Amino acid sequence: MKASLKRRSALTGGLVLAVFSALLSPVGPTHADDVRTVGKSTDQGAHLNLGAADLPEKRTVTTLAPGVTLTKISRGGADSSLFWTAEVAIPSDSPDPDAPASALSSQATAQRTADKLKAAGVDARVEHVQSPQLADAGGDLGYRVRAGHFAAHADGASVVAKIKAAGFASSVIYTGWDGDSETSTTTRGPWNLDVITIDPGTYQGQLAASFGPDLEKRETTSQLASDAHALAAVNAGFFVFDPKAGAEGDPAGVGVYGGKILSEAVADRPALVIDGKKNASNIQRLTWSGKISAPSGEATLDGIDRVPGLIRNCGGANDLPTSGPLQDVTCTNSNELVTFTPEFGPTTPTGPGLEVMVDSHDTVTSIAETRGGAVPAGGHTIQATGTDVARLRALAPVGAKLKIDVGLLGQDGKPLHTNKATSVVNGGPLLVKDGSVDVTAGHDGMVHHNDGNSFYYGWVHKRNPRTFAGTDAQGRTMLVTADGRSTSSLGLSLKEEADVAVSLGMVQAMNLDGGGSTTAVADGKVQNSPSGGSERAVGDALLVLPSRKADQ
């Protein structure tokens, strides 16, 4: 094994092929291991559709293996129009005294806030926020209040103190992170992206997803890549981050690994479906299907491998407060049936309810009157809460045969057929469909109603670190990361992310988990600059695994 790793290191470390200027083709139309095809007629344009059209752009392409490339793209440079400023949390218009402050409000409320700050000696200003129009969201978001123009973050401390003394909260932000309509096409950067491209016609390894030793613990993307000896990797789907929202590390949406369905879908959000045998991928909207069957009847399963009653990102039929997807919200359901596999972890979640142990022969071997225990090797457990406790007890006495069926359905209602080479990771929203920008932020739960557009403003509208994936017209899969939340790399709004995907040649693309999770790994090291200053441990990752021949 050590000798094979040395051979791969020599291969990956010494094959930097070229540095491209903005006049060359984007990574999409460039063949994975032959840069002489740059001038093909499939080119989508000379540069990324990002910021001002005349920005300098540099690309460095490295071949990691035949059919796998890493393209590092830097675009733009210092922008003298950008600065640091204090953004004020505006008291809510709601009559509820406990209603939280918001980044945005009506013009009248924003002006009242600015007037109070001016009376306290703060030179506050009101700004109208117009967001790029997406497929089902965007446009007029409201009004914000800001104060000051600072050369550095630290310079805003005195103004923040004055704002606090006047009774308001605020934070210092960089205007380069704005995704406002009027500046999105004039900003001069800078931006830094990493693009991993996999050509299924040439690549002899396997594209797959991994969650690590078990679902309920988090690992860094680089650790998951190292453990699998991957050539490259990026972070993948949304996951539970706060233990109060469920099992930390558990996918917050669909998850299929090695052909096993280990996490249910969030409504019909888009998912990246990978056929590892062909190294092909596509984007599908999948829904969850699960049930348990016994001689005395059957019952619908609410989920798999997650804490009953806590549904991160919502999307279940009986979830509260909504049965639709709702990003970064934990819905609840007091009456649930959830099944667990050995992949979940050493023990299942503890708590009141009922847990039935089912062995590898589909036979109920024991019943526990409280939840929490080890899953039988090759078997399952089923946990019940609330009114489903009596239902499960009646269906599953000791000795009974209890069949567990879980599946995923496509938009056509047909089952998604999986094998050991199938991987599916969650994400959203959709970014590109049939070669055109189609950002479905509303449908996929990124619009929070009754919060003054604050979530949308921060998550969709503003520039953030992003990870996304998709395919081009030649069937190649692209895994992309864009750094953000710094002055050296601004990040992308969702609209910019979709524009970039199209200019890279993608005909379909979807957003994956981003922010502090955004990580690209290649050649045994982290290639980007994670926004938290170091890697965040994540729920799962997409891995470019080497061919078996390389390990022999």
Protein backbone atom coordinates (compact mmCIF):
# COMPACT_ATOMS: atom_id res chain seq x y z
CA MET A 1 0.00 0.00 0.00
CA LYS A 2 2.80 2.46 0.89
CA ALA A 3 4.43 2.00 -2.49
CA SER A 4 1.16 2.64 -4.28
CA LEU A 5 0.58 5.81 -2.27
CA LYS A 6 4.06 7.02 -3.23
CA ARG A 7 3.27 6.38 -6.89
CA ARG A 8 0.05 8.39 -6.60
CA SER A 9 1.88 11.20 -4.83
CA ALA A 10 4.41 11.37 -7.63
CA LEU A 11 1.60 11.40 -10.17
CA THR A 12 -0.46 14.07 -8.47
CA GLY A 13 2.35 16.28 -7.27
CA GLY A 14 4.12 16.78 -10.57
CA LEU A 15 1.47 17.30 -13.21
CA VAL A 16 0.58 20.95 -13.11
CA LEU A 17 -0.23 21.47 -16.75
CA ALA A 18 -0.86 25.13 -17.39
CA VAL A 19 -1.89 28.55 -16.16
CA PHE A 20 -4.73 29.97 -18.22
CA SER A 21 -5.69 33.60 -18.59
CA ALA A 22 -9.25 34.84 -18.80
CA LEU A 23 -9.07 34.52 -22.57
CA LEU A 24 -9.06 30.73 -22.43
CA SER A 25 -12.06 28.48 -22.16
CA PRO A 26 -13.74 27.67 -18.82
CA VAL A 27 -13.02 24.38 -17.09
CA GLY A 28 -16.28 22.82 -18.31
CA PRO A 29 -15.36 22.47 -21.98
CA THR A 30 -11.71 21.52 -21.26
CA HIS A 31 -11.01 17.79 -21.60
CA ALA A 32 -10.00 16.31 -18.25
CA ASP A 33 -6.47 15.29 -19.27
CA ASP A 34 -5.77 16.99 -22.60
CA VAL A 35 -5.66 20.79 -22.46
CA ARG A 36 -5.18 20.94 -26.22
CA THR A 37 -8.96 20.68 -26.61
CA VAL A 38 -9.43 24.17 -25.14
CA GLY A 39 -10.70 25.60 -28.38
CA LYS A 40 -13.58 23.19 -28.87
CA SER A 41 -16.83 24.67 -30.11
CA THR A 42 -18.56 23.53 -26.90
CA ASP A 43 -16.98 26.47 -25.03
CA GLN A 44 -19.54 28.47 -23.05
CA GLY A 45 -17.43 31.63 -22.85
CA ALA A 46 -14.00 33.02 -22.07
CA HIS A 47 -14.38 33.48 -18.31
CA LEU A 48 -16.65 33.11 -15.32
CA ASN A 49 -19.85 35.13 -15.41
CA LEU A 50 -18.96 36.79 -12.12
CA GLY A 51 -18.57 40.46 -11.26
CA ALA A 52 -17.40 42.99 -13.82
CA ALA A 53 -16.91 41.53 -17.29
CA ASP A 54 -13.37 42.89 -17.73
CA LEU A 55 -11.83 41.27 -14.64
CA PRO A 56 -8.54 39.36 -14.91
CA GLU A 57 -8.90 35.63 -14.39
CA LYS A 58 -6.23 32.99 -13.89
CA ARG A 59 -6.68 29.22 -14.04
CA THR A 60 -4.24 26.51 -13.02
CA VAL A 61 -5.12 22.97 -14.08
CA THR A 62 -3.58 19.94 -12.39
CA THR A 63 -4.18 16.35 -13.48
CA LEU A 64 -4.77 14.20 -10.39
CA ALA A 65 -5.30 11.00 -12.38
CA PRO A 66 -6.30 10.22 -15.97
CA GLY A 67 -9.78 11.70 -16.22
CA VAL A 68 -9.61 13.78 -13.02
CA THR A 69 -8.46 17.39 -12.86
CA LEU A 70 -8.30 20.13 -10.28
CA THR A 71 -8.74 23.62 -11.68
CA LYS A 72 -7.93 26.53 -9.39
CA ILE A 73 -9.55 29.77 -10.53
CA SER A 74 -8.76 33.24 -9.21
CA ARG A 75 -10.81 36.13 -10.56
CA GLY A 76 -10.61 39.87 -9.99
CA GLY A 77 -8.59 41.73 -7.40
CA ALA A 78 -8.70 44.55 -4.90
CA ASP A 79 -11.82 46.73 -5.20
CA SER A 80 -11.39 50.25 -3.85
CA SER A 81 -15.16 50.78 -3.70
CA LEU A 82 -15.57 48.17 -0.94
CA PHE A 83 -15.35 48.97 2.77
CA TRP A 84 -16.34 47.84 6.26
CA THR A 85 -19.50 49.18 7.83
CA ALA A 86 -21.75 48.60 10.85
CA GLU A 87 -25.06 46.88 10.08
CA VAL A 88 -27.82 47.49 12.63
CA ALA A 89 -30.31 44.93 13.95
CA ILE A 90 -33.65 46.68 13.43
CA PRO A 91 -36.38 46.12 16.04
CA SER A 92 -39.30 44.12 14.71
CA ASP A 93 -42.51 45.69 13.36
CA SER A 94 -44.40 42.94 15.22
CA PRO A 95 -46.57 43.83 18.22
CA ASP A 96 -44.98 40.83 19.98
CA PRO A 97 -42.45 42.30 22.47
CA ASP A 98 -40.35 39.13 22.17
CA ALA A 99 -40.08 39.29 18.39
CA PRO A 100 -36.39 39.25 17.37
CA ALA A 101 -34.62 42.12 15.69
CA SER A 102 -34.04 41.80 11.97
CA ALA A 103 -31.45 42.86 9.42
CA LEU A 104 -34.26 44.19 7.21
CA SER A 105 -37.54 45.98 7.78
CA SER A 106 -40.01 48.33 6.15
CA GLN A 107 -38.74 51.70 4.99
CA ALA A 108 -40.63 53.50 7.76
CA THR A 109 -39.19 51.33 10.54
CA ALA A 110 -35.69 51.54 9.10
CA GLN A 111 -35.96 55.33 8.92
CA ARG A 112 -37.19 55.55 12.53
CA THR A 113 -34.21 53.46 13.61
CA ALA A 114 -31.79 55.63 11.64
CA ASP A 115 -33.32 58.81 13.10
CA LYS A 116 -32.87 57.52 16.66
CA LEU A 117 -29.26 56.67 15.92
CA LYS A 118 -28.62 60.09 14.40
CA ALA A 119 -30.04 61.69 17.53
CA ALA A 120 -27.50 59.66 19.50
CA GLY A 121 -24.63 60.93 17.36
CA VAL A 122 -24.40 58.01 14.92
CA ASP A 123 -24.33 58.94 11.22
CA ALA A 124 -26.77 56.19 10.16
CA ARG A 125 -28.10 55.67 6.66
CA VAL A 126 -31.01 53.69 5.20
CA GLU A 127 -30.37 51.46 2.18
CA HIS A 128 -32.91 49.74 -0.06
CA VAL A 129 -32.04 46.08 -0.69
CA GLN A 130 -32.91 44.73 -4.12
CA SER A 131 -32.07 41.08 -4.68
CA PRO A 132 -31.61 39.41 -8.07
CA GLN A 133 -34.79 37.70 -9.21
CA LEU A 134 -34.66 33.92 -8.94
CA ALA A 135 -37.11 31.33 -10.26
CA ASP A 136 -39.46 31.72 -7.29
CA ALA A 137 -37.97 34.36 -4.98
CA GLY A 138 -35.95 37.57 -4.89
CA GLY A 139 -36.68 41.15 -5.82
CA ASP A 140 -37.46 43.78 -3.17
CA LEU A 141 -36.29 42.47 0.21
CA GLY A 142 -36.73 45.59 2.33
CA TYR A 143 -34.52 48.20 3.97
CA ARG A 144 -31.40 48.00 6.12
CA VAL A 145 -29.66 50.49 8.39
CA ARG A 146 -25.90 50.95 8.28
CA ALA A 147 -23.39 53.38 9.72
CA GLY A 148 -19.79 54.26 8.93
CA HIS A 149 -17.18 53.61 6.26
CA PHE A 150 -14.14 51.83 7.72
CA ALA A 151 -10.87 50.74 6.15
CA ALA A 152 -10.57 47.78 8.54
CA HIS A 153 -12.90 45.70 10.69
CA ALA A 154 -11.37 46.96 13.92
CA ASP A 155 -12.05 50.57 12.94
CA GLY A 156 -15.77 50.01 13.46
CA ALA A 157 -15.54 49.25 17.19
CA SER A 158 -16.26 52.80 18.34
CA VAL A 159 -19.34 53.12 16.11
CA VAL A 160 -20.65 49.73 17.30
CA ALA A 161 -20.24 50.97 20.87
CA LYS A 162 -22.28 54.13 20.10
CA ILE A 163 -25.00 52.03 18.45
CA LYS A 164 -25.13 49.78 21.51
CA ALA A 165 -25.35 52.78 23.84
CA ALA A 166 -28.34 53.95 21.79
CA GLY A 167 -30.09 50.64 22.48
CA PHE A 168 -29.42 48.71 19.26
CA ALA A 169 -27.29 45.71 18.34
CA SER A 170 -24.98 45.76 15.34
CA SER A 171 -22.05 44.00 13.73
CA VAL A 172 -19.27 45.10 11.40
CA ILE A 173 -19.54 43.59 7.92
CA TYR A 174 -17.71 43.99 4.61
CA THR A 175 -19.70 45.47 1.73
CA GLY A 176 -18.00 43.04 -0.65
CA TRP A 177 -20.22 40.35 0.82
CA ASP A 178 -23.38 42.08 -0.42
CA GLY A 179 -25.21 40.41 -3.28
CA ASP A 180 -27.26 43.49 -4.17
CA SER A 181 -28.62 43.65 -7.71
CA GLU A 182 -27.03 46.99 -8.51
CA THR A 183 -23.51 45.86 -7.55
CA SER A 184 -23.49 42.17 -8.45
CA THR A 185 -22.21 42.83 -11.98
CA THR A 186 -19.81 45.64 -11.08
CA THR A 187 -17.92 44.20 -8.10
CA ARG A 188 -14.28 43.63 -8.94
CA GLY A 189 -13.63 40.77 -6.55
CA PRO A 190 -11.55 38.96 -5.59
CA TRP A 191 -12.88 35.39 -5.89
CA ASN A 192 -11.15 32.01 -5.51
CA LEU A 193 -12.65 28.71 -6.64
CA ASP A 194 -11.57 25.08 -6.87
CA VAL A 195 -13.16 22.83 -9.50
CA ILE A 196 -12.71 19.05 -9.48
CA THR A 197 -13.79 17.52 -12.80
CA ILE A 198 -14.35 13.79 -13.30
CA ASP A 199 -14.56 12.42 -16.84
CA PRO A 200 -16.42 9.07 -16.75
CA GLY A 201 -15.01 8.09 -20.14
CA THR A 202 -11.43 8.13 -18.85
CA TYR A 203 -11.45 7.90 -15.07
CA GLN A 204 -10.86 4.36 -13.78
CA GLY A 205 -11.59 4.95 -10.09
CA GLN A 206 -14.93 5.57 -8.44
CA LEU A 207 -16.91 8.61 -7.37
CA ALA A 208 -18.69 7.94 -4.08
CA ALA A 209 -19.99 9.51 -0.87
CA SER A 210 -18.84 8.65 2.64
CA PHE A 211 -20.01 9.55 6.15
CA GLY A 212 -17.10 7.91 8.02
CA PRO A 213 -17.25 5.22 10.73
CA ASP A 214 -20.86 6.04 11.68
CA LEU A 215 -23.58 8.54 10.92
CA GLU A 216 -23.81 10.22 14.30
CA LYS A 217 -20.25 11.55 14.45
CA ARG A 218 -18.69 14.24 12.29
CA GLU A 219 -15.31 14.11 10.56
CA THR A 220 -13.48 16.68 8.46
CA THR A 221 -13.52 16.33 4.69
CA SER A 222 -9.76 15.81 4.68
CA GLN A 223 -10.08 13.02 7.27
CA LEU A 224 -12.76 11.26 5.22
CA ALA A 225 -10.54 11.64 2.13
CA SER A 226 -7.46 10.35 3.94
CA ASP A 227 -9.26 7.33 5.41
CA ALA A 228 -10.42 6.31 1.92
CA HIS A 229 -7.12 7.25 0.18
CA ALA A 230 -9.17 9.55 -2.06
CA LEU A 231 -7.53 11.54 -4.84
CA ALA A 232 -9.86 14.45 -4.14
CA ALA A 233 -12.94 15.35 -2.13
CA VAL A 234 -15.40 18.09 -1.26
CA ASN A 235 -17.87 18.41 1.59
CA ALA A 236 -21.35 17.21 0.67
CA GLY A 237 -24.83 17.55 2.18
CA PHE A 238 -26.49 19.42 5.02
CA PHE A 239 -26.25 17.76 8.43
CA VAL A 240 -27.29 18.18 12.04
CA PHE A 241 -24.83 20.56 13.68
CA ASP A 242 -26.47 21.25 17.05
CA PRO A 243 -27.22 18.22 19.29
CA LYS A 244 -30.48 19.95 20.23
CA ALA A 245 -31.59 19.42 16.62
CA GLY A 246 -30.94 15.68 16.56
CA ALA A 247 -27.95 13.36 16.27
CA GLU A 248 -24.93 15.52 15.49
CA GLY A 249 -23.53 14.60 12.07
CA ASP A 250 -26.72 12.95 10.84
CA PRO A 251 -27.58 13.99 7.25
CA ALA A 252 -30.31 16.64 7.20
CA GLY A 253 -31.81 15.19 4.07
CA VAL A 254 -31.43 12.15 1.86
CA GLY A 255 -28.35 9.96 2.21
CA VAL A 256 -27.42 6.78 0.36
CA TYR A 257 -23.98 5.24 0.85
CA GLY A 258 -22.77 2.01 -0.74
CA GLY A 259 -26.32 1.52 -2.00
CA LYS A 260 -27.84 1.65 1.51
CA ILE A 261 -30.54 4.22 2.24
CA LEU A 262 -29.51 5.68 5.62
CA SER A 263 -31.39 8.99 5.68
CA GLU A 264 -34.77 10.03 4.35
CA ALA A 265 -35.37 12.88 1.90
CA VAL A 266 -36.52 16.37 2.86
CA ALA A 267 -39.75 16.62 0.88
CA ASP A 268 -38.68 16.57 -2.80
CA ARG A 269 -35.52 18.63 -2.59
CA PRO A 270 -32.88 18.00 -5.27
CA ALA A 271 -30.29 15.31 -4.60
CA LEU A 272 -27.05 14.37 -6.33
CA VAL A 273 -27.38 10.74 -7.44
CA ILE A 274 -24.12 8.96 -8.29
CA ASP A 275 -23.69 5.76 -10.27
CA GLY A 276 -20.21 4.72 -9.15
CA LYS A 277 -19.97 1.92 -11.72
CA LYS A 278 -20.20 4.43 -14.55
CA ASN A 279 -18.85 7.44 -12.59
CA ALA A 280 -21.91 9.29 -13.79
CA SER A 281 -24.12 11.58 -11.76
CA ASN A 282 -27.42 13.36 -12.16
CA ILE A 283 -29.73 15.54 -10.11
CA GLN A 284 -33.13 14.21 -9.10
CA ARG A 285 -35.91 15.32 -6.80
CA LEU A 286 -36.49 12.34 -4.53
CA THR A 287 -39.14 11.55 -1.94
CA TRP A 288 -39.06 9.08 0.93
CA SER A 289 -41.03 5.85 1.24
CA GLY A 290 -40.89 3.57 4.27
CA LYS A 291 -43.06 1.05 6.08
CA ILE A 292 -42.97 -1.90 8.44
CA SER A 293 -45.06 -5.01 7.76
CA ALA A 294 -46.14 -7.75 10.14
CA PRO A 295 -48.69 -10.56 9.92
CA SER A 296 -51.11 -8.37 11.90
CA GLY A 297 -50.76 -5.29 9.68
CA GLU A 298 -48.42 -2.54 8.60
CA ALA A 299 -47.44 1.00 9.53
CA THR A 300 -45.71 3.90 7.81
CA LEU A 301 -42.18 4.76 8.84
CA ASP A 302 -41.41 8.44 9.41
CA GLY A 303 -37.65 8.19 9.08
CA ILE A 304 -34.43 6.27 9.32
CA ASP A 305 -31.33 6.76 11.47
CA ARG A 306 -32.36 10.02 13.16
CA VAL A 307 -33.72 11.11 16.53
CA PRO A 308 -37.51 10.62 16.57
CA GLY A 309 -39.41 13.88 16.87
CA LEU A 310 -36.61 16.11 15.54
CA ILE A 311 -36.55 16.67 11.77
CA ARG A 312 -33.79 19.01 10.61
CA ASN A 313 -34.86 21.04 7.57
CA CYS A 314 -38.41 19.65 7.96
CA GLY A 315 -40.21 18.19 4.94
CA GLY A 316 -42.13 15.29 6.49
CA ALA A 317 -45.87 14.77 6.05
CA ASN A 318 -46.80 15.47 9.69
CA ASP A 319 -43.99 17.82 10.70
CA LEU A 320 -44.66 21.02 12.63
CA PRO A 321 -44.68 23.87 11.88
CA THR A 322 -44.56 22.81 8.22
CA SER A 323 -44.64 19.74 6.02
CA GLY A 324 -42.57 21.56 3.41
CA PRO A 325 -38.78 21.98 3.45
CA LEU A 326 -37.48 24.82 5.61
CA GLN A 327 -33.74 25.35 5.66
CA ASP A 328 -31.94 25.44 9.04
CA VAL A 329 -35.17 24.86 10.97
CA THR A 330 -35.80 21.81 13.16
CA CYS A 331 -39.39 20.66 12.85
CA THR A 332 -41.01 18.40 15.43
CA ASN A 333 -43.39 15.46 15.46
CA SER A 334 -44.34 13.86 18.77
CA ASN A 335 -45.68 10.65 17.18
CA GLU A 336 -43.11 8.86 15.05
CA LEU A 337 -41.79 5.50 13.96
CA VAL A 338 -38.09 5.60 13.07
CA THR A 339 -35.91 2.63 12.12
CA PHE A 340 -32.20 2.33 12.83
CA THR A 341 -29.38 0.45 11.10
CA PRO A 342 -25.97 -0.56 12.50
CA GLU A 343 -24.46 2.32 10.52
CA PHE A 344 -26.09 4.87 12.84
CA GLY A 345 -23.62 4.31 15.66
CA PRO A 346 -22.87 2.20 18.74
CA THR A 347 -26.25 2.96 20.34
CA THR A 348 -29.55 4.46 19.24
CA PRO A 349 -30.95 7.71 20.71
CA THR A 350 -32.20 7.44 24.29
CA GLY A 351 -35.52 8.68 25.63
CA PRO A 352 -39.10 7.73 26.46
CA GLY A 353 -40.98 5.49 24.06
CA LEU A 354 -40.58 1.94 22.79
CA GLU A 355 -37.80 0.19 20.90
CA VAL A 356 -38.12 -3.13 19.09
CA MET A 357 -35.02 -5.19 18.22
CA VAL A 358 -35.17 -7.03 14.88
CA ASP A 359 -32.45 -9.54 13.93
CA SER A 360 -30.97 -10.28 10.51
CA HIS A 361 -33.79 -12.78 9.86
CA ASP A 362 -36.52 -10.12 10.34
CA THR A 363 -37.54 -11.60 13.67
CA VAL A 364 -38.39 -9.46 16.70
CA THR A 365 -35.99 -10.63 19.42
CA SER A 366 -36.77 -8.18 22.25
CA ILE A 367 -38.76 -5.10 23.21
CA ALA A 368 -37.46 -2.27 25.39
CA GLU A 369 -39.85 0.04 27.22
CA THR A 370 -37.46 2.98 26.78
CA ARG A 371 -35.42 3.99 23.76
CA GLY A 372 -31.68 3.47 23.44
CA GLY A 373 -29.68 0.35 22.69
CA ALA A 374 -27.33 -1.36 20.26
CA VAL A 375 -28.60 -2.34 16.82
CA PRO A 376 -28.28 -6.11 16.19
CA ALA A 377 -25.57 -7.01 13.68
CA GLY A 378 -27.21 -7.21 10.28
CA GLY A 379 -30.52 -6.20 11.78
CA HIS A 380 -32.52 -3.14 12.72
CA THR A 381 -34.34 -1.52 15.57
CA ILE A 382 -37.54 0.49 15.41
CA GLN A 383 -38.28 3.30 17.85
CA ALA A 384 -41.77 4.61 18.57
CA THR A 385 -42.84 7.78 20.35
CA GLY A 386 -46.20 9.20 21.40
CA THR A 387 -49.28 7.49 20.04
CA ASP A 388 -47.13 5.23 17.85
CA VAL A 389 -45.88 3.35 20.92
CA ALA A 390 -49.12 1.34 21.24
CA ARG A 391 -49.20 0.84 17.49
CA LEU A 392 -45.70 -0.65 17.38
CA ARG A 393 -46.31 -2.81 20.43
CA ALA A 394 -49.37 -4.34 18.77
CA LEU A 395 -47.54 -4.97 15.47
CA ALA A 396 -44.31 -6.38 16.83
CA PRO A 397 -44.53 -8.88 19.69
CA VAL A 398 -41.41 -10.94 20.44
CA GLY A 399 -41.05 -13.71 17.88
CA ALA A 400 -43.06 -11.96 15.18
CA LYS A 401 -41.75 -11.48 11.68
CA LEU A 402 -41.34 -7.78 10.97
CA LYS A 403 -40.30 -6.68 7.51
CA ILE A 404 -38.80 -3.22 7.06
CA ASP A 405 -39.01 -1.57 3.65
CA VAL A 406 -37.38 1.77 2.86
CA GLY A 407 -37.06 3.40 -0.53
CA LEU A 408 -36.76 6.57 -2.54
CA LEU A 409 -39.09 7.63 -5.32
CA GLY A 410 -38.27 9.85 -8.28
CA GLN A 411 -40.47 12.61 -9.67
CA ASP A 412 -42.11 10.04 -11.92
CA GLY A 413 -43.14 8.03 -8.87
CA LYS A 414 -40.85 5.16 -9.81
CA PRO A 415 -38.42 3.71 -7.25
CA LEU A 416 -34.78 4.73 -7.36
CA HIS A 417 -32.91 1.47 -7.88
CA THR A 418 -29.63 1.29 -5.97
CA ASN A 419 -26.63 -1.03 -5.87
CA LYS A 420 -23.36 -1.07 -3.92
CA ALA A 421 -21.96 1.65 -6.21
CA THR A 422 -24.88 4.06 -5.65
CA SER A 423 -24.40 7.20 -3.58
CA VAL A 424 -26.91 9.99 -2.98
CA VAL A 425 -26.25 13.21 -1.07
CA ASN A 426 -28.69 15.94 -0.13
CA GLY A 427 -28.59 19.66 -0.82
CA GLY A 428 -30.55 22.49 -2.33
CA PRO A 429 -31.70 24.58 -3.90
CA LEU A 430 -31.50 23.62 -7.54
CA LEU A 431 -29.23 26.03 -9.42
CA VAL A 432 -29.23 25.01 -13.08
CA LYS A 433 -31.65 22.99 -15.18
CA ASP A 434 -31.25 22.15 -18.88
CA GLY A 435 -28.29 24.51 -19.15
CA SER A 436 -30.10 27.57 -17.79
CA VAL A 437 -30.15 29.27 -14.40
CA ASP A 438 -33.14 27.94 -12.40
CA VAL A 439 -32.68 28.72 -8.70
CA THR A 440 -35.67 27.31 -6.80
CA ALA A 441 -34.99 28.90 -3.41
CA GLY A 442 -38.66 29.17 -2.50
CA HIS A 443 -39.60 25.60 -3.43
CA ASP A 444 -36.61 24.18 -1.59
CA GLY A 445 -37.18 26.01 1.71
CA MET A 446 -34.74 28.90 1.67
CA VAL A 447 -37.53 31.47 2.05
CA HIS A 448 -38.65 31.92 5.66
CA HIS A 449 -41.98 33.69 5.79
CA ASN A 450 -42.66 36.14 8.62
CA ASP A 451 -39.02 36.86 9.42
CA GLY A 452 -38.72 40.06 7.41
CA ASN A 453 -36.64 38.30 4.74
CA SER A 454 -33.71 38.15 7.16
CA PHE A 455 -32.87 34.49 6.55
CA TYR A 456 -33.11 34.93 2.80
CA TYR A 457 -30.95 38.06 3.04
CA GLY A 458 -28.15 36.27 4.86
CA TRP A 459 -28.36 32.80 3.29
CA VAL A 460 -29.43 33.41 -0.31
CA HIS A 461 -28.80 37.05 -1.14
CA LYS A 462 -25.43 37.65 0.51
CA ARG A 463 -22.15 36.20 -0.69
CA ASN A 464 -21.02 33.17 1.29
CA PRO A 465 -18.61 30.27 0.88
CA ARG A 466 -20.38 27.76 -1.36
CA THR A 467 -20.01 24.15 -2.46
CA PHE A 468 -21.97 22.90 -5.46
CA ALA A 469 -22.03 20.03 -7.92
CA GLY A 470 -23.38 19.22 -11.35
CA THR A 471 -22.66 17.84 -14.78
CA ASP A 472 -21.77 19.28 -18.16
CA ALA A 473 -23.02 18.36 -21.62
CA GLN A 474 -20.26 15.75 -21.97
CA GLY A 475 -21.44 13.92 -18.85
CA ARG A 476 -18.54 15.01 -16.66
CA THR A 477 -19.23 15.62 -12.98
CA MET A 478 -17.94 18.85 -11.46
CA LEU A 479 -17.45 19.45 -7.75
CA VAL A 480 -16.90 23.13 -7.00
CA THR A 481 -15.97 25.16 -3.93
CA ALA A 482 -15.85 28.95 -3.67
CA ASP A 483 -14.18 30.60 -0.69
CA GLY A 484 -15.91 33.46 1.07
CA ARG A 485 -16.42 35.63 4.16
CA SER A 486 -13.04 37.31 3.75
CA THR A 487 -11.66 40.33 1.93
CA SER A 488 -9.41 38.03 -0.13
CA SER A 489 -12.34 35.96 -1.42
CA LEU A 490 -15.85 37.39 -1.37
CA GLY A 491 -17.94 34.26 -1.82
CA LEU A 492 -21.03 33.86 -3.99
CA SER A 493 -24.71 34.67 -3.70
CA LEU A 494 -26.97 31.86 -4.89
CA LYS A 495 -27.61 33.73 -8.14
CA GLU A 496 -23.87 34.16 -8.70
CA GLU A 497 -23.34 30.50 -7.86
CA ALA A 498 -25.81 29.52 -10.60
CA ASP A 499 -24.21 31.94 -13.07
CA VAL A 500 -20.80 30.46 -12.34
CA ALA A 501 -22.15 26.93 -12.83
CA VAL A 502 -23.49 27.82 -16.27
CA SER A 503 -20.27 29.59 -17.28
CA LEU A 504 -18.33 26.47 -16.25
CA GLY A 505 -20.42 24.55 -18.79
CA MET A 506 -22.81 22.82 -16.40
CA VAL A 507 -26.20 21.81 -17.79
CA GLN A 508 -27.49 20.83 -14.34
CA ALA A 509 -26.25 21.92 -10.91
CA MET A 510 -27.34 22.06 -7.28
CA ASN A 511 -26.12 23.71 -4.12
CA LEU A 512 -24.53 21.60 -1.37
CA ASP A 513 -23.70 22.56 2.21
CA GLY A 514 -21.55 25.69 2.33
CA GLY A 515 -20.37 28.33 4.78
CA GLY A 516 -17.85 26.96 7.24
CA SER A 517 -18.29 23.47 5.75
CA THR A 518 -16.94 24.43 2.31
CA THR A 519 -13.76 22.40 1.80
CA ALA A 520 -11.87 21.08 -1.23
CA VAL A 521 -9.20 18.41 -0.81
CA ALA A 522 -6.76 17.17 -3.44
CA ASP A 523 -3.26 15.75 -3.51
CA GLY A 524 -3.54 14.96 0.19
CA LYS A 525 -4.19 18.50 1.41
CA VAL A 526 -6.89 21.11 1.79
CA GLN A 527 -6.85 23.28 -1.33
CA ASN A 528 -9.10 26.15 -0.23
CA SER A 529 -9.27 28.46 2.79
CA PRO A 530 -12.18 27.40 5.04
CA SER A 531 -13.98 30.46 6.34
CA GLY A 532 -13.69 29.47 10.01
CA GLY A 533 -9.91 29.50 9.83
CA SER A 534 -9.76 25.71 10.01
CA GLU A 535 -11.75 22.77 8.67
CA ARG A 536 -15.21 22.15 10.06
CA ALA A 537 -16.15 18.54 10.77
CA VAL A 538 -19.05 17.61 8.48
CA GLY A 539 -21.67 14.91 8.02
CA ASP A 540 -20.49 13.46 4.71
CA ALA A 541 -18.23 14.12 1.74
CA LEU A 542 -17.98 13.33 -1.95
CA LEU A 543 -14.83 11.33 -2.64
CA VAL A 544 -12.89 10.69 -5.85
CA LEU A 545 -11.50 7.25 -5.08
CA PRO A 546 -8.48 5.81 -6.92
CA SER A 547 -8.70 2.77 -9.13
CA ARG A 548 -8.07 -0.58 -7.46
CA LYS A 549 -5.09 -1.07 -9.75
CA ALA A 550 -3.33 1.84 -8.03
CA ASP A 551 -3.56 0.01 -4.70
CA GLN A 552 -2.09 -3.24 -5.96
